[in-house]
Amino acid sequence: MTPDLTIGVVGPHDLVERVMLMGHAAAPLPCRLVAAAYRDEQEAPDKVTRLGPGVDACLFASPVPYDLARRSGVLTMPATYVQLGGAALVAALAKAALDTRMDPKRVSIDVVSRADVEEAYTDLGIPATDVHSRDEPGATGTIAAYHERLARQGATTGALTCLAAVAERLHTAGVPVIRIKPTSAAVRTALHTAALLGAHHRLEESQLTVVLVEVPTLREPVRRAAPRYWRDELRLSLQRLLVQEANRINATVWPIDDHSYLVTATRGSIAAATDGFRVLPFAARIRDELGLAVEVGVGMGRTTHDAESHARAALARTQAGKQAQGFAVDREGRALIPAPRMPPTGATALKPKGVEVLARLAAKLEGGDTVVDAEGAGKMLGVTPRTARRLLRTLVDEGLAWPLPPNRTPQPGRPRQLYRLIVEKLGPR
């Protein structure tokens, strides 16, 4: 049996309590509601983050917290908000008409669009010429100041606000205020929409997804100067790392040949591992721990065959250098290129010092050999073996070199440590 959907309800305490009391019976599908109440709209992004990845959809109290969460980049699930125009605005205008301090023809209104305001006034047969409206987002203090300024100037007789925190500030400041609250019908409609969005999202997240990982270093022919056994150790280390990553996201991994691997997972697990298909899966850890560059293609499909075919098409795109973010192909065969986002904190450029050292060594290499030791590197760089050993360790730390197993000899003393330089990181030369 499929578990119930989980919907996070984000809004002020009174609205969240109202939605929770209406319960999951208002939704078209079995669902579980999780409360995420705040005191101020600015807390909305933090509340979404606290809900975590177990939420199938989010329902916001109004467009303001929804927009704040969207702009902050924390929305990893579908989301909607309760509409506050239409019947909700008409109800607030009726309350304003009963308030002796307010004239509905001379008020200021926030959040609700100007089109919705004029439509409501037209339906009521009231002119909206002297009605001020502000639908652009902003901080609570900014919106409260907007209403207060108009009231102090005599341009309005009071305010209609969709935000609880703004209503509190205006009340404290002595400005007549009525809060626009959603109708029960609007809440039911929003819950209905959130449930359908969550169900569709869950179906999409469970799509079969195949990841192909190829290692150019292992695809290259073996050079005579390089120890043959290092490739075997490298393959074992790489497969061990991929298995660890696959276990972490409930995926499976199989070696295809000497230089490529196939990972089978779901769209949801790969999306989580790639920041929503914005960064290559597994590539950062492989680079950091093994010093290897990899080529990756991600494909989705209705069958394993379709998903693998799309993954190979995506891999071909990355190998051809087409659009760095086009490494994933959806089940319709289209390149999946999500909207850009600020790069993760850890995705920094290569350190200039390491790149400079690698470039100097690469310029001195002969015959295409990329394996060096501290003594040889010291001669090429004009430094002592001790200094060269420290520089080679720096290259390893920066993912620019790969330490090979020590080359043990019958002579006593320290085993000769070899390093393979990842000259591919320098790009075309």
Protein backbone atom coordinates (compact mmCIF):
# COMPACT_ATOMS: atom_id res chain seq x y z
CA MET A 1 0.00 0.00 0.00
CA THR A 2 1.34 3.44 -0.95
CA PRO A 3 2.02 5.59 2.14
CA ASP A 4 0.05 8.80 2.54
CA LEU A 5 1.37 11.99 1.00
CA THR A 6 2.98 14.48 3.36
CA ILE A 7 2.10 18.16 2.98
CA GLY A 8 3.95 20.85 4.92
CA VAL A 9 1.71 23.76 5.96
CA VAL A 10 3.74 26.98 6.26
CA GLY A 11 2.12 30.14 7.60
CA PRO A 12 1.17 32.16 10.69
CA HIS A 13 -0.08 30.19 13.70
CA ASP A 14 -3.78 30.96 13.26
CA LEU A 15 -3.91 29.89 9.60
CA VAL A 16 -1.80 26.77 10.18
CA GLU A 17 -4.10 25.80 13.05
CA ARG A 18 -7.13 26.37 10.83
CA VAL A 19 -5.74 24.14 8.06
CA MET A 20 -4.79 21.44 10.55
CA LEU A 21 -8.32 21.48 12.01
CA MET A 22 -9.81 21.09 8.54
CA GLY A 23 -7.60 18.01 8.30
CA HIS A 24 -6.60 15.74 5.48
CA ALA A 25 -10.30 15.13 4.68
CA ALA A 26 -10.24 18.35 2.63
CA ALA A 27 -7.62 16.86 0.26
CA PRO A 28 -8.56 14.59 -2.67
CA LEU A 29 -5.92 11.98 -1.70
CA PRO A 30 -4.89 10.44 1.64
CA CYS A 31 -2.33 12.79 3.13
CA ARG A 32 -0.60 13.77 6.34
CA LEU A 33 -0.34 17.44 7.30
CA VAL A 34 2.79 18.74 9.04
CA ALA A 35 2.59 22.16 10.74
CA ALA A 36 5.36 24.72 10.20
CA ALA A 37 4.06 27.90 11.86
CA TYR A 38 6.01 31.15 12.04
CA ARG A 39 5.66 34.53 13.73
CA ASP A 40 6.99 36.51 10.76
CA GLU A 41 6.98 35.79 7.02
CA GLN A 42 10.78 36.16 6.91
CA GLU A 43 11.00 32.85 8.80
CA ALA A 44 9.36 30.93 5.93
CA PRO A 45 12.62 29.68 4.28
CA ASP A 46 13.88 28.34 7.61
CA LYS A 47 10.56 26.57 8.24
CA VAL A 48 10.76 24.87 4.82
CA THR A 49 14.32 23.74 5.54
CA ARG A 50 13.21 22.28 8.86
CA LEU A 51 10.46 20.29 7.15
CA GLY A 52 13.20 18.34 5.40
CA PRO A 53 13.15 16.11 2.32
CA GLY A 54 10.31 13.91 3.58
CA VAL A 55 7.67 16.42 2.47
CA ASP A 56 5.96 15.78 -0.88
CA ALA A 57 4.57 19.33 -1.24
CA CYS A 58 4.34 22.64 0.63
CA LEU A 59 1.25 24.79 1.17
CA PHE A 60 1.95 28.44 2.01
CA ALA A 61 -0.42 30.91 3.66
CA SER A 62 -0.01 33.51 0.90
CA PRO A 63 2.23 34.46 -2.03
CA VAL A 64 4.65 36.30 0.31
CA PRO A 65 6.12 33.35 2.25
CA TYR A 66 6.03 31.29 -0.95
CA ASP A 67 8.06 33.92 -2.80
CA LEU A 68 10.55 34.23 0.09
CA ALA A 69 11.11 30.48 0.12
CA ARG A 70 11.41 30.31 -3.66
CA ARG A 71 13.93 33.16 -3.82
CA SER A 72 16.08 31.60 -1.09
CA GLY A 73 16.39 28.36 -3.08
CA VAL A 74 15.10 26.04 -0.32
CA LEU A 75 12.12 24.73 -2.30
CA THR A 76 13.11 21.24 -3.42
CA MET A 77 9.50 20.06 -3.64
CA PRO A 78 6.42 21.43 -5.46
CA ALA A 79 4.59 24.20 -3.64
CA THR A 80 1.48 26.33 -3.84
CA TYR A 81 -0.21 29.00 -1.74
CA VAL A 82 -3.69 29.98 -0.57
CA GLN A 83 -5.31 32.56 -2.85
CA LEU A 84 -6.31 35.72 -0.99
CA GLY A 85 -8.19 37.55 -3.73
CA GLY A 86 -11.80 37.02 -4.75
CA ALA A 87 -14.09 36.03 -1.88
CA ALA A 88 -11.41 36.68 0.78
CA LEU A 89 -10.96 40.28 -0.39
CA VAL A 90 -14.72 40.85 -0.67
CA ALA A 91 -15.18 39.59 2.91
CA ALA A 92 -12.48 42.00 4.14
CA LEU A 93 -14.15 44.89 2.30
CA ALA A 94 -17.46 44.01 3.97
CA LYS A 95 -15.77 44.23 7.36
CA ALA A 96 -14.24 47.57 6.37
CA ALA A 97 -17.69 48.89 5.45
CA LEU A 98 -18.91 47.99 8.95
CA ASP A 99 -15.95 49.74 10.62
CA THR A 100 -16.93 53.36 11.28
CA ARG A 101 -13.28 54.45 11.01
CA MET A 102 -12.76 53.13 7.48
CA ASP A 103 -14.06 53.96 4.01
CA PRO A 104 -13.63 50.97 1.61
CA LYS A 105 -13.19 53.44 -1.27
CA ARG A 106 -10.06 54.91 0.41
CA VAL A 107 -7.89 52.08 1.73
CA SER A 108 -4.50 50.54 1.03
CA ILE A 109 -4.20 46.84 0.19
CA ASP A 110 -1.12 44.59 0.09
CA VAL A 111 -0.17 41.25 -1.53
CA VAL A 112 -3.37 40.99 -3.65
CA SER A 113 -2.72 41.91 -7.28
CA ARG A 114 -4.12 45.13 -8.71
CA ALA A 115 -6.17 43.12 -11.20
CA ASP A 116 -7.83 41.19 -8.36
CA VAL A 117 -8.50 44.44 -6.48
CA GLU A 118 -10.18 46.10 -9.45
CA GLU A 119 -12.19 42.96 -10.21
CA ALA A 120 -13.53 42.78 -6.65
CA TYR A 121 -14.45 46.49 -6.62
CA THR A 122 -16.14 46.17 -10.03
CA ASP A 123 -18.21 43.21 -8.78
CA LEU A 124 -19.28 45.30 -5.77
CA GLY A 125 -20.01 48.39 -7.89
CA ILE A 126 -17.54 50.50 -5.91
CA PRO A 127 -14.95 52.77 -7.60
CA ALA A 128 -11.32 51.82 -6.94
CA THR A 129 -9.83 55.14 -8.09
CA ASP A 130 -8.60 56.12 -4.58
CA VAL A 131 -7.62 52.61 -3.54
CA HIS A 132 -3.88 52.07 -3.18
CA SER A 133 -2.45 48.60 -3.73
CA ARG A 134 0.99 47.04 -3.41
CA ASP A 135 1.52 43.48 -4.59
CA GLU A 136 5.33 43.37 -4.79
CA PRO A 137 7.05 41.33 -2.04
CA GLY A 138 8.95 42.96 0.78
CA ALA A 139 9.92 42.74 4.43
CA THR A 140 7.19 43.04 7.06
CA GLY A 141 8.50 46.41 8.19
CA THR A 142 8.57 47.76 4.63
CA ILE A 143 4.97 46.78 3.94
CA ALA A 144 3.76 48.12 7.30
CA ALA A 145 5.56 51.41 6.61
CA TYR A 146 3.80 51.63 3.22
CA HIS A 147 0.36 51.45 4.85
CA GLU A 148 1.29 53.74 7.72
CA ARG A 149 2.70 56.44 5.44
CA LEU A 150 -0.46 56.58 3.33
CA ALA A 151 -2.63 56.75 6.46
CA ARG A 152 -0.53 59.54 8.00
CA GLN A 153 -0.72 61.51 4.74
CA GLY A 154 -4.52 61.24 4.76
CA ALA A 155 -4.54 59.33 1.48
CA THR A 156 -6.30 56.37 3.12
CA THR A 157 -8.61 55.70 6.03
CA GLY A 158 -7.06 52.34 6.88
CA ALA A 159 -5.33 49.22 5.58
CA LEU A 160 -6.32 45.76 4.38
CA THR A 161 -3.39 43.39 4.85
CA CYS A 162 -2.82 39.70 4.14
CA LEU A 163 0.04 39.47 6.67
CA ALA A 164 -0.54 38.87 10.37
CA ALA A 165 2.73 40.56 11.38
CA VAL A 166 1.83 43.68 9.39
CA ALA A 167 -1.60 43.79 11.03
CA GLU A 168 0.01 43.69 14.48
CA ARG A 169 2.39 46.55 13.65
CA LEU A 170 -0.34 48.74 12.20
CA HIS A 171 -2.60 48.09 15.17
CA THR A 172 0.22 49.13 17.52
CA ALA A 173 0.79 52.25 15.42
CA GLY A 174 -2.90 53.18 15.69
CA VAL A 175 -3.70 52.65 12.01
CA PRO A 176 -7.14 51.06 11.38
CA VAL A 177 -6.46 47.66 9.87
CA ILE A 178 -8.43 44.60 8.74
CA ARG A 179 -6.72 41.38 7.90
CA ILE A 180 -7.61 39.58 4.67
CA LYS A 181 -8.09 35.95 5.65
CA PRO A 182 -8.65 33.09 3.21
CA THR A 183 -12.09 31.54 2.97
CA SER A 184 -12.63 27.89 3.81
CA ALA A 185 -13.23 27.24 0.10
CA ALA A 186 -9.86 28.82 -0.77
CA VAL A 187 -8.09 26.65 1.83
CA ARG A 188 -9.77 23.50 0.48
CA THR A 189 -8.79 24.43 -3.08
CA ALA A 190 -5.18 25.04 -2.03
CA LEU A 191 -5.04 21.71 -0.17
CA HIS A 192 -6.46 20.00 -3.24
CA THR A 193 -3.78 21.56 -5.44
CA ALA A 194 -0.98 20.72 -2.98
CA ALA A 195 -2.07 17.07 -2.80
CA LEU A 196 -2.16 16.72 -6.59
CA LEU A 197 1.25 18.40 -6.92
CA GLY A 198 2.68 16.07 -4.28
CA ALA A 199 1.27 12.97 -5.95
CA HIS A 200 2.67 13.98 -9.34
CA HIS A 201 6.03 14.80 -7.74
CA ARG A 202 6.18 11.41 -6.06
CA LEU A 203 5.52 9.66 -9.39
CA GLU A 204 8.27 11.69 -11.04
CA GLU A 205 10.73 11.02 -8.21
CA SER A 206 10.25 7.26 -8.59
CA GLN A 207 11.17 7.29 -12.29
CA LEU A 208 13.85 4.77 -13.20
CA THR A 209 17.21 6.53 -13.69
CA VAL A 210 20.52 5.17 -14.99
CA VAL A 211 23.90 6.84 -14.45
CA LEU A 212 26.88 5.92 -16.65
CA VAL A 213 30.32 6.78 -15.22
CA GLU A 214 33.38 6.61 -17.47
CA VAL A 215 37.00 7.22 -16.40
CA PRO A 216 39.19 8.61 -19.21
CA THR A 217 42.36 7.69 -17.28
CA LEU A 218 41.42 4.00 -17.26
CA ARG A 219 40.38 4.18 -20.91
CA GLU A 220 43.88 5.22 -21.96
CA PRO A 221 46.41 2.54 -23.06
CA VAL A 222 48.95 1.48 -20.44
CA ARG A 223 52.30 3.21 -20.76
CA ARG A 224 55.44 1.21 -20.28
CA ALA A 225 56.86 3.50 -17.62
CA ALA A 226 53.77 3.19 -15.42
CA PRO A 227 53.42 0.18 -13.05
CA ARG A 228 50.65 -2.06 -14.42
CA TYR A 229 49.18 -2.97 -11.06
CA TRP A 230 48.23 0.62 -10.19
CA ARG A 231 45.33 0.45 -12.66
CA ASP A 232 43.91 -2.58 -10.88
CA GLU A 233 44.16 -0.84 -7.51
CA LEU A 234 42.61 2.27 -8.98
CA ARG A 235 39.65 0.28 -10.35
CA LEU A 236 39.10 -1.38 -6.99
CA SER A 237 39.26 1.96 -5.15
CA LEU A 238 36.84 3.54 -7.64
CA GLN A 239 34.35 0.68 -7.45
CA ARG A 240 34.49 0.73 -3.64
CA LEU A 241 33.76 4.48 -3.65
CA LEU A 242 30.86 4.10 -6.12
CA VAL A 243 29.34 1.29 -4.04
CA GLN A 244 29.49 3.52 -0.95
CA GLU A 245 27.79 6.36 -2.83
CA ALA A 246 25.19 3.97 -4.29
CA ASN A 247 24.34 2.57 -0.85
CA ARG A 248 23.89 6.11 0.45
CA ILE A 249 21.16 6.83 -2.13
CA ASN A 250 19.65 3.31 -2.26
CA ALA A 251 21.07 2.60 -5.71
CA THR A 252 22.99 -0.30 -7.27
CA VAL A 253 26.26 -0.26 -9.22
CA TRP A 254 27.79 -2.66 -11.74
CA PRO A 255 31.10 -2.48 -13.65
CA ILE A 256 30.51 -2.53 -17.41
CA ASP A 257 34.13 -2.84 -18.55
CA ASP A 258 37.62 -1.76 -17.48
CA HIS A 259 36.79 1.95 -17.52
CA SER A 260 33.02 2.41 -17.02
CA TYR A 261 30.27 1.69 -14.48
CA LEU A 262 26.47 1.66 -14.49
CA VAL A 263 24.44 2.93 -11.52
CA THR A 264 20.67 2.28 -11.32
CA ALA A 265 18.60 4.55 -9.06
CA THR A 266 15.46 6.69 -8.99
CA ARG A 267 15.11 10.23 -10.22
CA GLY A 268 14.55 11.48 -6.68
CA SER A 269 17.75 9.93 -5.29
CA ILE A 270 19.88 11.26 -8.16
CA ALA A 271 18.27 14.70 -7.92
CA ALA A 272 19.25 14.84 -4.24
CA ALA A 273 22.83 13.82 -5.07
CA THR A 274 23.19 16.41 -7.85
CA ASP A 275 21.60 19.52 -6.35
CA GLY A 276 18.65 19.09 -8.68
CA PHE A 277 20.75 17.96 -11.68
CA ARG A 278 23.09 20.95 -11.39
CA VAL A 279 26.32 19.12 -10.52
CA LEU A 280 27.67 15.80 -11.75
CA PRO A 281 26.85 12.87 -9.46
CA PHE A 282 29.82 11.27 -7.67
CA ALA A 283 32.34 13.45 -9.56
CA ALA A 284 33.37 15.69 -6.66
CA ARG A 285 34.15 12.83 -4.28
CA ILE A 286 36.00 10.85 -6.99
CA ARG A 287 38.09 13.92 -7.74
CA ASP A 288 38.80 14.71 -4.09
CA GLU A 289 39.63 11.17 -2.94
CA LEU A 290 41.09 9.56 -6.06
CA GLY A 291 42.27 12.55 -8.05
CA LEU A 292 40.36 11.41 -11.13
CA ALA A 293 38.22 13.26 -13.62
CA VAL A 294 35.14 11.34 -14.77
CA GLU A 295 32.60 11.66 -17.55
CA VAL A 296 28.98 11.15 -16.52
CA GLY A 297 25.69 10.72 -18.33
CA VAL A 298 22.28 10.44 -16.62
CA GLY A 299 19.22 9.03 -18.35
CA MET A 300 15.60 8.45 -17.38
CA GLY A 301 13.03 6.18 -18.97
CA ARG A 302 10.02 3.94 -18.58
CA THR A 303 12.24 0.85 -18.90
CA THR A 304 15.85 0.06 -18.03
CA HIS A 305 16.68 -0.10 -21.74
CA ASP A 306 15.23 3.38 -22.38
CA ALA A 307 16.98 4.86 -19.34
CA GLU A 308 20.35 3.39 -20.37
CA SER A 309 19.93 4.61 -23.96
CA HIS A 310 19.22 8.12 -22.70
CA ALA A 311 22.19 7.91 -20.32
CA ARG A 312 24.48 7.02 -23.24
CA ALA A 313 23.10 9.95 -25.22
CA ALA A 314 23.78 12.26 -22.26
CA LEU A 315 27.29 10.83 -21.89
CA ALA A 316 27.97 11.49 -25.56
CA ARG A 317 26.89 15.12 -25.04
CA THR A 318 29.31 15.63 -22.15
CA GLN A 319 32.14 13.95 -24.07
CA ALA A 320 31.46 16.22 -27.03
CA GLY A 321 31.65 19.25 -24.73
CA LYS A 322 28.06 20.39 -25.31
CA GLN A 323 26.54 22.41 -22.45
CA ALA A 324 28.20 21.42 -19.20
CA GLN A 325 24.82 21.14 -17.46
CA GLY A 326 23.27 18.94 -20.15
CA PHE A 327 24.54 15.72 -18.55
CA ALA A 328 21.00 14.41 -17.92
CA VAL A 329 18.31 13.34 -20.41
CA ASP A 330 14.69 12.94 -19.33
CA ARG A 331 12.45 10.03 -20.29
CA GLU A 332 11.26 11.91 -23.39
CA GLY A 333 14.86 12.12 -24.64
CA ARG A 334 15.27 15.84 -23.97
CA ALA A 335 18.32 17.34 -22.27
CA LEU A 336 17.43 18.26 -18.69
CA ILE A 337 18.97 21.65 -18.00
CA PRO A 338 17.58 23.13 -14.75
CA ALA A 339 17.52 26.80 -13.90
CA PRO A 340 20.92 28.07 -12.70
CA ARG A 341 21.62 28.35 -9.01
CA MET A 342 24.49 29.71 -7.02
CA PRO A 343 27.23 27.02 -6.91
CA PRO A 344 27.58 25.03 -3.69
CA THR A 345 30.01 26.40 -1.12
CA GLY A 346 32.50 23.61 -1.70
CA ALA A 347 32.62 24.04 -5.47
CA THR A 348 35.64 26.33 -5.58
CA ALA A 349 38.13 26.69 -8.38
CA LEU A 350 41.44 24.82 -8.36
CA LYS A 351 44.08 26.50 -6.25
CA PRO A 352 46.48 28.48 -8.43
CA LYS A 353 49.57 27.13 -6.61
CA GLY A 354 48.76 23.50 -7.39
CA VAL A 355 47.87 24.24 -11.01
CA GLU A 356 51.12 26.18 -11.45
CA VAL A 357 53.21 23.31 -10.07
CA LEU A 358 51.40 20.78 -12.24
CA ALA A 359 51.92 22.95 -15.33
CA ARG A 360 55.65 23.26 -14.63
CA LEU A 361 56.00 19.50 -14.22
CA ALA A 362 53.92 18.78 -17.32
CA ALA A 363 56.19 21.03 -19.38
CA LYS A 364 59.21 18.91 -18.37
CA LEU A 365 57.65 15.47 -18.90
CA GLU A 366 59.13 13.41 -21.72
CA GLY A 367 57.56 10.76 -23.92
CA GLY A 368 54.07 11.29 -22.55
CA ASP A 369 55.01 9.71 -19.20
CA THR A 370 52.99 11.19 -16.31
CA VAL A 371 54.48 9.16 -13.42
CA VAL A 372 57.07 10.89 -11.21
CA ASP A 373 58.70 10.52 -7.81
CA ALA A 374 60.01 13.15 -5.40
CA GLU A 375 63.58 12.98 -6.69
CA GLY A 376 62.58 13.34 -10.34
CA ALA A 377 60.07 16.10 -9.57
CA GLY A 378 62.72 17.94 -7.55
CA LYS A 379 65.08 17.97 -10.52
CA MET A 380 62.36 19.25 -12.85
CA LEU A 381 61.31 21.98 -10.41
CA GLY A 382 64.79 22.85 -9.22
CA VAL A 383 64.04 22.10 -5.56
CA THR A 384 65.16 19.52 -3.01
CA PRO A 385 63.47 16.08 -2.92
CA ARG A 386 61.99 17.02 0.47
CA THR A 387 60.36 20.14 -0.96
CA ALA A 388 59.25 18.21 -4.04
CA ARG A 389 57.64 15.56 -1.82
CA ARG A 390 55.67 18.28 -0.04
CA LEU A 391 54.56 19.80 -3.37
CA LEU A 392 53.46 16.40 -4.69
CA ARG A 393 51.37 15.85 -1.56
CA THR A 394 49.79 19.26 -2.21
CA LEU A 395 48.89 18.12 -5.73
CA VAL A 396 47.25 15.01 -4.27
CA ASP A 397 45.24 17.13 -1.80
CA GLU A 398 44.01 19.30 -4.68
CA GLY A 399 43.08 16.33 -6.88
CA LEU A 400 45.87 17.03 -9.36
CA ALA A 401 47.88 13.85 -8.75
CA TRP A 402 47.21 10.24 -7.76
CA PRO A 403 49.57 8.45 -5.30
CA LEU A 404 50.55 5.03 -6.65
CA PRO A 405 51.39 2.09 -4.38
CA PRO A 406 55.01 2.39 -3.06
CA ASN A 407 57.58 0.81 -5.40
CA ARG A 408 59.39 -1.48 -2.97
CA THR A 409 62.97 -2.48 -3.83
CA PRO A 410 65.44 -4.93 -2.25
CA GLN A 411 67.57 -1.98 -1.04
CA PRO A 412 66.98 -0.75 2.54
CA GLY A 413 65.47 2.65 3.23
CA ARG A 414 62.30 4.51 2.35
CA PRO A 415 60.22 2.83 -0.42
CA ARG A 416 60.11 4.88 -3.62
CA GLN A 417 56.74 6.65 -3.75
CA LEU A 418 55.38 7.27 -7.26
CA TYR A 419 52.70 9.76 -8.28
CA ARG A 420 50.64 9.91 -11.44
CA LEU A 421 50.09 13.51 -12.51
CA ILE A 422 46.54 14.28 -13.67
CA VAL A 423 47.65 16.51 -16.55
CA GLU A 424 44.11 16.36 -17.99
CA LYS A 425 43.17 18.97 -15.38
CA LEU A 426 45.24 21.52 -17.33
CA GLY A 427 42.94 21.23 -20.35
CA PRO A 428 44.11 21.31 -23.99
CA ARG A 429 47.79 22.11 -24.36
